[in-house]
Amino acid sequence: MTKTKKTEVIVKYGKTPKDTGSSSVQVALLTDRIKQLSEHMKSHKKDYATQLGLLRMVSTRRRLLDYLKKHNTPEYAKLLKQLDLRK
């Protein structure tokens, strides 16, 4: 992920332009990285190190989404719709 792409995601999903730690920003950044790795895995099926990293990222995103659902349900629903995640 390039620095400009990362900055765009932070500005779009953060409460302020410097907000990098909120759950919604972390989920958005992880989602972008997960999409990139999924594309990589389509052409490199035996890259097991990347596969393990991808699974860890998916698990981390799931935990962050569970936290967001528990503590801020409206933002959780909005984030799922914006990121086009199924749930």
PDB file of N, CA and C in Angstrom:
ATOM      1  N   MET A   1       0.852  -1.169   0.000  1.00  0.00           N
ATOM      2  CA  MET A   1       0.000   0.000   0.000  1.00  0.00           C
ATOM      3  C   MET A   1       0.904   1.242   0.000  1.00  0.00           C
ATOM      4  N   THR A   2       0.603   2.158  -0.881  1.00  0.00           N
ATOM      5  CA  THR A   2       1.411   3.365  -0.958  1.00  0.00           C
ATOM      6  C   THR A   2       1.014   4.337   0.143  1.00  0.00           C
ATOM      7  N   LYS A   3       1.882   5.274   0.394  1.00  0.00           N
ATOM      8  CA  LYS A   3       1.633   6.251   1.463  1.00  0.00           C
ATOM      9  C   LYS A   3       0.418   7.119   1.136  1.00  0.00           C
ATOM     10  N   THR A   4       0.245   7.484  -0.135  1.00  0.00           N
ATOM     11  CA  THR A   4      -0.896   8.321  -0.503  1.00  0.00           C
ATOM     12  C   THR A   4      -2.209   7.563  -0.336  1.00  0.00           C
ATOM     13  N   LYS A   5      -2.216   6.280  -0.702  1.00  0.00           N
ATOM     14  CA  LYS A   5      -3.423   5.462  -0.546  1.00  0.00           C
ATOM     15  C   LYS A   5      -3.781   5.324   0.928  1.00  0.00           C
ATOM     16  N   LYS A   6      -2.764   5.110   1.754  1.00  0.00           N
ATOM     17  CA  LYS A   6      -2.979   4.970   3.191  1.00  0.00           C
ATOM     18  C   LYS A   6      -3.534   6.270   3.779  1.00  0.00           C
ATOM     19  N   THR A   7      -2.997   7.403   3.342  1.00  0.00           N
ATOM     20  CA  THR A   7      -3.472   8.701   3.810  1.00  0.00           C
ATOM     21  C   THR A   7      -4.917   8.932   3.392  1.00  0.00           C
ATOM     22  N   GLU A   8      -5.269   8.539   2.174  1.00  0.00           N
ATOM     23  CA  GLU A   8      -6.651   8.676   1.706  1.00  0.00           C
ATOM     24  C   GLU A   8      -7.606   7.879   2.587  1.00  0.00           C
ATOM     25  N   VAL A   9      -7.227   6.655   2.914  1.00  0.00           N
ATOM     26  CA  VAL A   9      -8.070   5.797   3.751  1.00  0.00           C
ATOM     27  C   VAL A   9      -8.231   6.407   5.139  1.00  0.00           C
ATOM     28  N   ILE A  10      -7.138   6.928   5.702  1.00  0.00           N
ATOM     29  CA  ILE A  10      -7.195   7.524   7.037  1.00  0.00           C
ATOM     30  C   ILE A  10      -8.100   8.747   7.038  1.00  0.00           C
ATOM     31  N   VAL A  11      -7.980   9.587   6.023  1.00  0.00           N
ATOM     32  CA  VAL A  11      -8.818  10.793   5.945  1.00  0.00           C
ATOM     33  C   VAL A  11     -10.287  10.416   5.761  1.00  0.00           C
ATOM     34  N   LYS A  12     -10.545   9.401   4.951  1.00  0.00           N
ATOM     35  CA  LYS A  12     -11.927   9.012   4.659  1.00  0.00           C
ATOM     36  C   LYS A  12     -12.637   8.385   5.857  1.00  0.00           C
ATOM     37  N   TYR A  13     -11.951   7.507   6.588  1.00  0.00           N
ATOM     38  CA  TYR A  13     -12.607   6.754   7.649  1.00  0.00           C
ATOM     39  C   TYR A  13     -12.303   7.271   9.049  1.00  0.00           C
ATOM     40  N   GLY A  14     -11.333   8.166   9.201  1.00  0.00           N
ATOM     41  CA  GLY A  14     -10.981   8.666  10.522  1.00  0.00           C
ATOM     42  C   GLY A  14     -11.847   9.834  10.945  1.00  0.00           C
ATOM     43  N   LYS A  15     -11.850  10.088  12.241  1.00  0.00           N
ATOM     44  CA  LYS A  15     -12.604  11.221  12.768  1.00  0.00           C
ATOM     45  C   LYS A  15     -11.894  12.531  12.459  1.00  0.00           C
ATOM     46  N   THR A  16     -10.556  12.488  12.453  1.00  0.00           N
ATOM     47  CA  THR A  16      -9.730  13.624  12.062  1.00  0.00           C
ATOM     48  C   THR A  16      -8.703  13.118  11.054  1.00  0.00           C
ATOM     49  N   PRO A  17      -8.037  14.018  10.337  1.00  0.00           N
ATOM     50  CA  PRO A  17      -7.029  13.555   9.359  1.00  0.00           C
ATOM     51  C   PRO A  17      -5.843  12.827   9.984  1.00  0.00           C
ATOM     52  N   LYS A  18      -5.607  13.017  11.283  1.00  0.00           N
ATOM     53  CA  LYS A  18      -4.487  12.358  11.961  1.00  0.00           C
ATOM     54  C   LYS A  18      -4.931  11.124  12.739  1.00  0.00           C
ATOM     55  N   ASP A  19      -6.198  10.749  12.641  1.00  0.00           N
ATOM     56  CA  ASP A  19      -6.761   9.633  13.412  1.00  0.00           C
ATOM     57  C   ASP A  19      -6.379   8.308  12.763  1.00  0.00           C
ATOM     58  N   THR A  20      -5.330   7.680  13.293  1.00  0.00           N
ATOM     59  CA  THR A  20      -4.883   6.417  12.724  1.00  0.00           C
ATOM     60  C   THR A  20      -5.205   5.228  13.618  1.00  0.00           C
ATOM     61  N   GLY A  21      -5.660   5.474  14.827  1.00  0.00           N
ATOM     62  CA  GLY A  21      -5.836   4.391  15.777  1.00  0.00           C
ATOM     63  C   GLY A  21      -7.249   3.928  15.996  1.00  0.00           C
ATOM     64  N   SER A  22      -8.233   4.643  15.473  1.00  0.00           N
ATOM     65  CA  SER A  22      -9.614   4.239  15.722  1.00  0.00           C
ATOM     66  C   SER A  22      -9.917   2.920  15.008  1.00  0.00           C
ATOM     67  N   SER A  23     -10.869   2.206  15.539  1.00  0.00           N
ATOM     68  CA  SER A  23     -11.200   0.881  15.008  1.00  0.00           C
ATOM     69  C   SER A  23     -11.614   0.944  13.547  1.00  0.00           C
ATOM     70  N   SER A  24     -12.387   1.944  13.188  1.00  0.00           N
ATOM     71  CA  SER A  24     -12.863   2.020  11.805  1.00  0.00           C
ATOM     72  C   SER A  24     -11.711   2.236  10.825  1.00  0.00           C
ATOM     73  N   VAL A  25     -10.728   3.037  11.201  1.00  0.00           N
ATOM     74  CA  VAL A  25      -9.562   3.252  10.328  1.00  0.00           C
ATOM     75  C   VAL A  25      -8.748   1.978  10.220  1.00  0.00           C
ATOM     76  N   GLN A  26      -8.544   1.294  11.339  1.00  0.00           N
ATOM     77  CA  GLN A  26      -7.777   0.051  11.317  1.00  0.00           C
ATOM     78  C   GLN A  26      -8.460  -1.005  10.450  1.00  0.00           C
ATOM     79  N   VAL A  27      -9.781  -1.098  10.555  1.00  0.00           N
ATOM     80  CA  VAL A  27     -10.528  -2.063   9.744  1.00  0.00           C
ATOM     81  C   VAL A  27     -10.404  -1.713   8.264  1.00  0.00           C
ATOM     82  N   ALA A  28     -10.509  -0.430   7.931  1.00  0.00           N
ATOM     83  CA  ALA A  28     -10.406  -0.008   6.533  1.00  0.00           C
ATOM     84  C   ALA A  28      -9.017  -0.308   5.966  1.00  0.00           C
ATOM     85  N   LEU A  29      -7.966  -0.043   6.742  1.00  0.00           N
ATOM     86  CA  LEU A  29      -6.612  -0.331   6.278  1.00  0.00           C
ATOM     87  C   LEU A  29      -6.394  -1.833   6.107  1.00  0.00           C
ATOM     88  N   LEU A  30      -6.887  -2.609   7.061  1.00  0.00           N
ATOM     89  CA  LEU A  30      -6.756  -4.065   6.950  1.00  0.00           C
ATOM     90  C   LEU A  30      -7.524  -4.598   5.746  1.00  0.00           C
ATOM     91  N   THR A  31      -8.695  -4.046   5.492  1.00  0.00           N
ATOM     92  CA  THR A  31      -9.504  -4.495   4.365  1.00  0.00           C
ATOM     93  C   THR A  31      -8.774  -4.247   3.049  1.00  0.00           C
ATOM     94  N   ASP A  32      -8.152  -3.095   2.923  1.00  0.00           N
ATOM     95  CA  ASP A  32      -7.410  -2.783   1.705  1.00  0.00           C
ATOM     96  C   ASP A  32      -6.237  -3.751   1.526  1.00  0.00           C
ATOM     97  N   ARG A  33      -5.516  -4.015   2.589  1.00  0.00           N
ATOM     98  CA  ARG A  33      -4.380  -4.938   2.527  1.00  0.00           C
ATOM     99  C   ARG A  33      -4.842  -6.368   2.246  1.00  0.00           C
ATOM    100  N   ILE A  34      -5.980  -6.771   2.831  1.00  0.00           N
ATOM    101  CA  ILE A  34      -6.524  -8.110   2.604  1.00  0.00           C
ATOM    102  C   ILE A  34      -6.897  -8.288   1.137  1.00  0.00           C
ATOM    103  N   LYS A  35      -7.472  -7.257   0.532  1.00  0.00           N
ATOM    104  CA  LYS A  35      -7.825  -7.337  -0.889  1.00  0.00           C
ATOM    105  C   LYS A  35      -6.581  -7.503  -1.755  1.00  0.00           C
ATOM    106  N   GLN A  36      -5.514  -6.784  -1.407  1.00  0.00           N
ATOM    107  CA  GLN A  36      -4.264  -6.904  -2.166  1.00  0.00           C
ATOM    108  C   GLN A  36      -3.689  -8.314  -2.050  1.00  0.00           C
ATOM    109  N   LEU A  37      -3.673  -8.850  -0.836  1.00  0.00           N
ATOM    110  CA  LEU A  37      -3.114 -10.183  -0.638  1.00  0.00           C
ATOM    111  C   LEU A  37      -3.984 -11.264  -1.268  1.00  0.00           C
ATOM    112  N   SER A  38      -5.284 -11.056  -1.305  1.00  0.00           N
ATOM    113  CA  SER A  38      -6.170 -12.023  -1.956  1.00  0.00           C
ATOM    114  C   SER A  38      -5.856 -12.121  -3.445  1.00  0.00           C
ATOM    115  N   GLU A  39      -5.607 -10.976  -4.063  1.00  0.00           N
ATOM    116  CA  GLU A  39      -5.226 -10.973  -5.473  1.00  0.00           C
ATOM    117  C   GLU A  39      -3.892 -11.691  -5.670  1.00  0.00           C
ATOM    118  N   HIS A  40      -2.950 -11.475  -4.771  1.00  0.00           N
ATOM    119  CA  HIS A  40      -1.649 -12.144  -4.844  1.00  0.00           C
ATOM    120  C   HIS A  40      -1.821 -13.661  -4.726  1.00  0.00           C
ATOM    121  N   MET A  41      -2.702 -14.088  -3.830  1.00  0.00           N
ATOM    122  CA  MET A  41      -2.892 -15.518  -3.591  1.00  0.00           C
ATOM    123  C   MET A  41      -3.548 -16.225  -4.780  1.00  0.00           C
ATOM    124  N   LYS A  42      -4.282 -15.480  -5.601  1.00  0.00           N
ATOM    125  CA  LYS A  42      -4.903 -16.098  -6.770  1.00  0.00           C
ATOM    126  C   LYS A  42      -3.855 -16.585  -7.765  1.00  0.00           C
ATOM    127  N   SER A  43      -2.754 -15.876  -7.874  1.00  0.00           N
ATOM    128  CA  SER A  43      -1.722 -16.279  -8.827  1.00  0.00           C
ATOM    129  C   SER A  43      -0.576 -17.049  -8.186  1.00  0.00           C
ATOM    130  N   HIS A  44      -0.475 -17.020  -6.858  1.00  0.00           N
ATOM    131  CA  HIS A  44       0.576 -17.736  -6.146  1.00  0.00           C
ATOM    132  C   HIS A  44      -0.059 -18.652  -5.103  1.00  0.00           C
ATOM    133  N   LYS A  45      -0.617 -19.741  -5.563  1.00  0.00           N
ATOM    134  CA  LYS A  45      -1.410 -20.618  -4.705  1.00  0.00           C
ATOM    135  C   LYS A  45      -0.590 -21.320  -3.621  1.00  0.00           C
ATOM    136  N   LYS A  46       0.696 -21.509  -3.837  1.00  0.00           N
ATOM    137  CA  LYS A  46       1.511 -22.237  -2.866  1.00  0.00           C
ATOM    138  C   LYS A  46       2.344 -21.324  -1.968  1.00  0.00           C
ATOM    139  N   ASP A  47       2.011 -20.060  -1.921  1.00  0.00           N
ATOM    140  CA  ASP A  47       2.720 -19.109  -1.067  1.00  0.00           C
ATOM    141  C   ASP A  47       2.100 -19.174   0.333  1.00  0.00           C
ATOM    142  N   TYR A  48       2.584 -20.119   1.116  1.00  0.00           N
ATOM    143  CA  TYR A  48       1.963 -20.399   2.403  1.00  0.00           C
ATOM    144  C   TYR A  48       2.288 -19.350   3.457  1.00  0.00           C
ATOM    145  N   ALA A  49       3.405 -18.681   3.339  1.00  0.00           N
ATOM    146  CA  ALA A  49       3.741 -17.616   4.282  1.00  0.00           C
ATOM    147  C   ALA A  49       2.758 -16.455   4.138  1.00  0.00           C
ATOM    148  N   THR A  50       2.453 -16.099   2.913  1.00  0.00           N
ATOM    149  CA  THR A  50       1.471 -15.042   2.668  1.00  0.00           C
ATOM    150  C   THR A  50       0.089 -15.488   3.114  1.00  0.00           C
ATOM    151  N   GLN A  51      -0.215 -16.740   2.900  1.00  0.00           N
ATOM    152  CA  GLN A  51      -1.509 -17.273   3.305  1.00  0.00           C
ATOM    153  C   GLN A  51      -1.691 -17.166   4.817  1.00  0.00           C
ATOM    154  N   LEU A  52      -0.650 -17.457   5.569  1.00  0.00           N
ATOM    155  CA  LEU A  52      -0.715 -17.356   7.024  1.00  0.00           C
ATOM    156  C   LEU A  52      -0.912 -15.904   7.455  1.00  0.00           C
ATOM    157  N   GLY A  53      -0.169 -14.992   6.838  1.00  0.00           N
ATOM    158  CA  GLY A  53      -0.327 -13.573   7.141  1.00  0.00           C
ATOM    159  C   GLY A  53      -1.714 -13.074   6.809  1.00  0.00           C
ATOM    160  N   LEU A  54      -2.262 -13.537   5.699  1.00  0.00           N
ATOM    161  CA  LEU A  54      -3.609 -13.155   5.290  1.00  0.00           C
ATOM    162  C   LEU A  54      -4.634 -13.620   6.313  1.00  0.00           C
ATOM    163  N   LEU A  55      -4.498 -14.847   6.778  1.00  0.00           N
ATOM    164  CA  LEU A  55      -5.429 -15.360   7.785  1.00  0.00           C
ATOM    165  C   LEU A  55      -5.338 -14.584   9.093  1.00  0.00           C
ATOM    166  N   ARG A  56      -4.132 -14.173   9.464  1.00  0.00           N
ATOM    167  CA  ARG A  56      -3.965 -13.368  10.678  1.00  0.00           C
ATOM    168  C   ARG A  56      -4.647 -12.012  10.528  1.00  0.00           C
ATOM    169  N   MET A  57      -4.506 -11.406   9.355  1.00  0.00           N
ATOM    170  CA  MET A  57      -5.147 -10.111   9.119  1.00  0.00           C
ATOM    171  C   MET A  57      -6.658 -10.225   9.159  1.00  0.00           C
ATOM    172  N   VAL A  58      -7.196 -11.291   8.577  1.00  0.00           N
ATOM    173  CA  VAL A  58      -8.643 -11.504   8.590  1.00  0.00           C
ATOM    174  C   VAL A  58      -9.129 -11.670  10.030  1.00  0.00           C
ATOM    175  N   SER A  59      -8.373 -12.399  10.843  1.00  0.00           N
ATOM    176  CA  SER A  59      -8.751 -12.601  12.245  1.00  0.00           C
ATOM    177  C   SER A  59      -8.708 -11.290  13.016  1.00  0.00           C
ATOM    178  N   THR A  60      -7.684 -10.498  12.783  1.00  0.00           N
ATOM    179  CA  THR A  60      -7.568  -9.206  13.453  1.00  0.00           C
ATOM    180  C   THR A  60      -8.719  -8.296  13.059  1.00  0.00           C
ATOM    181  N   ARG A  61      -9.049  -8.281  11.769  1.00  0.00           N
ATOM    182  CA  ARG A  61     -10.169  -7.451  11.306  1.00  0.00           C
ATOM    183  C   ARG A  61     -11.472  -7.913  11.934  1.00  0.00           C
ATOM    184  N   ARG A  62     -11.659  -9.227  12.058  1.00  0.00           N
ATOM    185  CA  ARG A  62     -12.876  -9.765  12.660  1.00  0.00           C
ATOM    186  C   ARG A  62     -13.006  -9.323  14.123  1.00  0.00           C
ATOM    187  N   ARG A  63     -11.889  -9.368  14.856  1.00  0.00           N
ATOM    188  CA  ARG A  63     -11.915  -8.933  16.257  1.00  0.00           C
ATOM    189  C   ARG A  63     -12.227  -7.449  16.366  1.00  0.00           C
ATOM    190  N   LEU A  64     -11.644  -6.640  15.492  1.00  0.00           N
ATOM    191  CA  LEU A  64     -11.926  -5.202  15.510  1.00  0.00           C
ATOM    192  C   LEU A  64     -13.389  -4.925  15.175  1.00  0.00           C
ATOM    193  N   LEU A  65     -13.927  -5.661  14.211  1.00  0.00           N
ATOM    194  CA  LEU A  65     -15.338  -5.478  13.856  1.00  0.00           C
ATOM    195  C   LEU A  65     -16.254  -5.909  15.000  1.00  0.00           C
ATOM    196  N   ASP A  66     -15.891  -6.984  15.709  1.00  0.00           N
ATOM    197  CA  ASP A  66     -16.683  -7.408  16.869  1.00  0.00           C
ATOM    198  C   ASP A  66     -16.678  -6.338  17.957  1.00  0.00           C
ATOM    199  N   TYR A  67     -15.515  -5.733  18.186  1.00  0.00           N
ATOM    200  CA  TYR A  67     -15.405  -4.658  19.164  1.00  0.00           C
ATOM    201  C   TYR A  67     -16.273  -3.484  18.748  1.00  0.00           C
ATOM    202  N   LEU A  68     -16.202  -3.118  17.486  1.00  0.00           N
ATOM    203  CA  LEU A  68     -16.975  -1.980  16.983  1.00  0.00           C
ATOM    204  C   LEU A  68     -18.472  -2.253  17.078  1.00  0.00           C
ATOM    205  N   LYS A  69     -18.869  -3.477  16.786  1.00  0.00           N
ATOM    206  CA  LYS A  69     -20.284  -3.841  16.869  1.00  0.00           C
ATOM    207  C   LYS A  69     -20.788  -3.740  18.304  1.00  0.00           C
ATOM    208  N   LYS A  70     -19.956  -4.124  19.245  1.00  0.00           N
ATOM    209  CA  LYS A  70     -20.341  -4.111  20.657  1.00  0.00           C
ATOM    210  C   LYS A  70     -20.415  -2.690  21.214  1.00  0.00           C
ATOM    211  N   HIS A  71     -19.495  -1.813  20.790  1.00  0.00           N
ATOM    212  CA  HIS A  71     -19.400  -0.488  21.394  1.00  0.00           C
ATOM    213  C   HIS A  71     -19.998   0.646  20.569  1.00  0.00           C
ATOM    214  N   ASN A  72     -20.139   0.478  19.265  1.00  0.00           N
ATOM    215  CA  ASN A  72     -20.662   1.551  18.420  1.00  0.00           C
ATOM    216  C   ASN A  72     -21.381   0.938  17.216  1.00  0.00           C
ATOM    217  N   THR A  73     -22.581   0.434  17.443  1.00  0.00           N
ATOM    218  CA  THR A  73     -23.321  -0.295  16.413  1.00  0.00           C
ATOM    219  C   THR A  73     -23.623   0.533  15.164  1.00  0.00           C
ATOM    220  N   PRO A  74     -24.020   1.809  15.280  1.00  0.00           N
ATOM    221  CA  PRO A  74     -24.286   2.575  14.045  1.00  0.00           C
ATOM    222  C   PRO A  74     -23.039   2.734  13.157  1.00  0.00           C
ATOM    223  N   GLU A  75     -21.897   2.979  13.774  1.00  0.00           N
ATOM    224  CA  GLU A  75     -20.677   3.113  12.989  1.00  0.00           C
ATOM    225  C   GLU A  75     -20.281   1.777  12.362  1.00  0.00           C
ATOM    226  N   TYR A  76     -20.544   0.683  13.079  1.00  0.00           N
ATOM    227  CA  TYR A  76     -20.276  -0.662  12.566  1.00  0.00           C
ATOM    228  C   TYR A  76     -21.084  -0.907  11.294  1.00  0.00           C
ATOM    229  N   ALA A  77     -22.373  -0.589  11.342  1.00  0.00           N
ATOM    230  CA  ALA A  77     -23.231  -0.803  10.177  1.00  0.00           C
ATOM    231  C   ALA A  77     -22.801   0.074   9.003  1.00  0.00           C
ATOM    232  N   LYS A  78     -22.444   1.313   9.303  1.00  0.00           N
ATOM    233  CA  LYS A  78     -22.007   2.239   8.259  1.00  0.00           C
ATOM    234  C   LYS A  78     -20.705   1.748   7.612  1.00  0.00           C
ATOM    235  N   LEU A  79     -19.794   1.253   8.431  1.00  0.00           N
ATOM    236  CA  LEU A  79     -18.507   0.773   7.938  1.00  0.00           C
ATOM    237  C   LEU A  79     -18.673  -0.460   7.054  1.00  0.00           C
ATOM    238  N   LEU A  80     -19.562  -1.378   7.462  1.00  0.00           N
ATOM    239  CA  LEU A  80     -19.796  -2.563   6.635  1.00  0.00           C
ATOM    240  C   LEU A  80     -20.331  -2.185   5.261  1.00  0.00           C
ATOM    241  N   LYS A  81     -21.220  -1.202   5.246  1.00  0.00           N
ATOM    242  CA  LYS A  81     -21.796  -0.770   3.975  1.00  0.00           C
ATOM    243  C   LYS A  81     -20.736  -0.072   3.106  1.00  0.00           C
ATOM    244  N   GLN A  82     -19.914   0.784   3.717  1.00  0.00           N
ATOM    245  CA  GLN A  82     -18.901   1.520   2.953  1.00  0.00           C
ATOM    246  C   GLN A  82     -17.817   0.598   2.403  1.00  0.00           C
ATOM    247  N   LEU A  83     -17.407  -0.389   3.201  1.00  0.00           N
ATOM    248  CA  LEU A  83     -16.329  -1.287   2.772  1.00  0.00           C
ATOM    249  C   LEU A  83     -16.848  -2.467   1.964  1.00  0.00           C
ATOM    250  N   ASP A  84     -18.156  -2.572   1.841  1.00  0.00           N
ATOM    251  CA  ASP A  84     -18.791  -3.658   1.096  1.00  0.00           C
ATOM    252  C   ASP A  84     -18.393  -5.018   1.657  1.00  0.00           C
ATOM    253  N   LEU A  85     -18.480  -5.133   2.989  1.00  0.00           N
ATOM    254  CA  LEU A  85     -18.215  -6.400   3.653  1.00  0.00           C
ATOM    255  C   LEU A  85     -19.547  -7.070   3.921  1.00  0.00           C
ATOM    256  N   ARG A  86     -19.584  -8.366   3.787  1.00  0.00           N
ATOM    257  CA  ARG A  86     -20.841  -9.057   4.045  1.00  0.00           C
ATOM    258  C   ARG A  86     -20.920  -9.437   5.515  1.00  0.00           C
ATOM    259  N   LYS A  87     -22.084  -9.369   6.043  1.00  0.00           N
ATOM    260  CA  LYS A  87     -22.332  -9.758   7.421  1.00  0.00           C
ATOM    261  C   LYS A  87     -23.815  -9.764   7.657  1.00  0.00           C
TER     262      LYS A  87
END
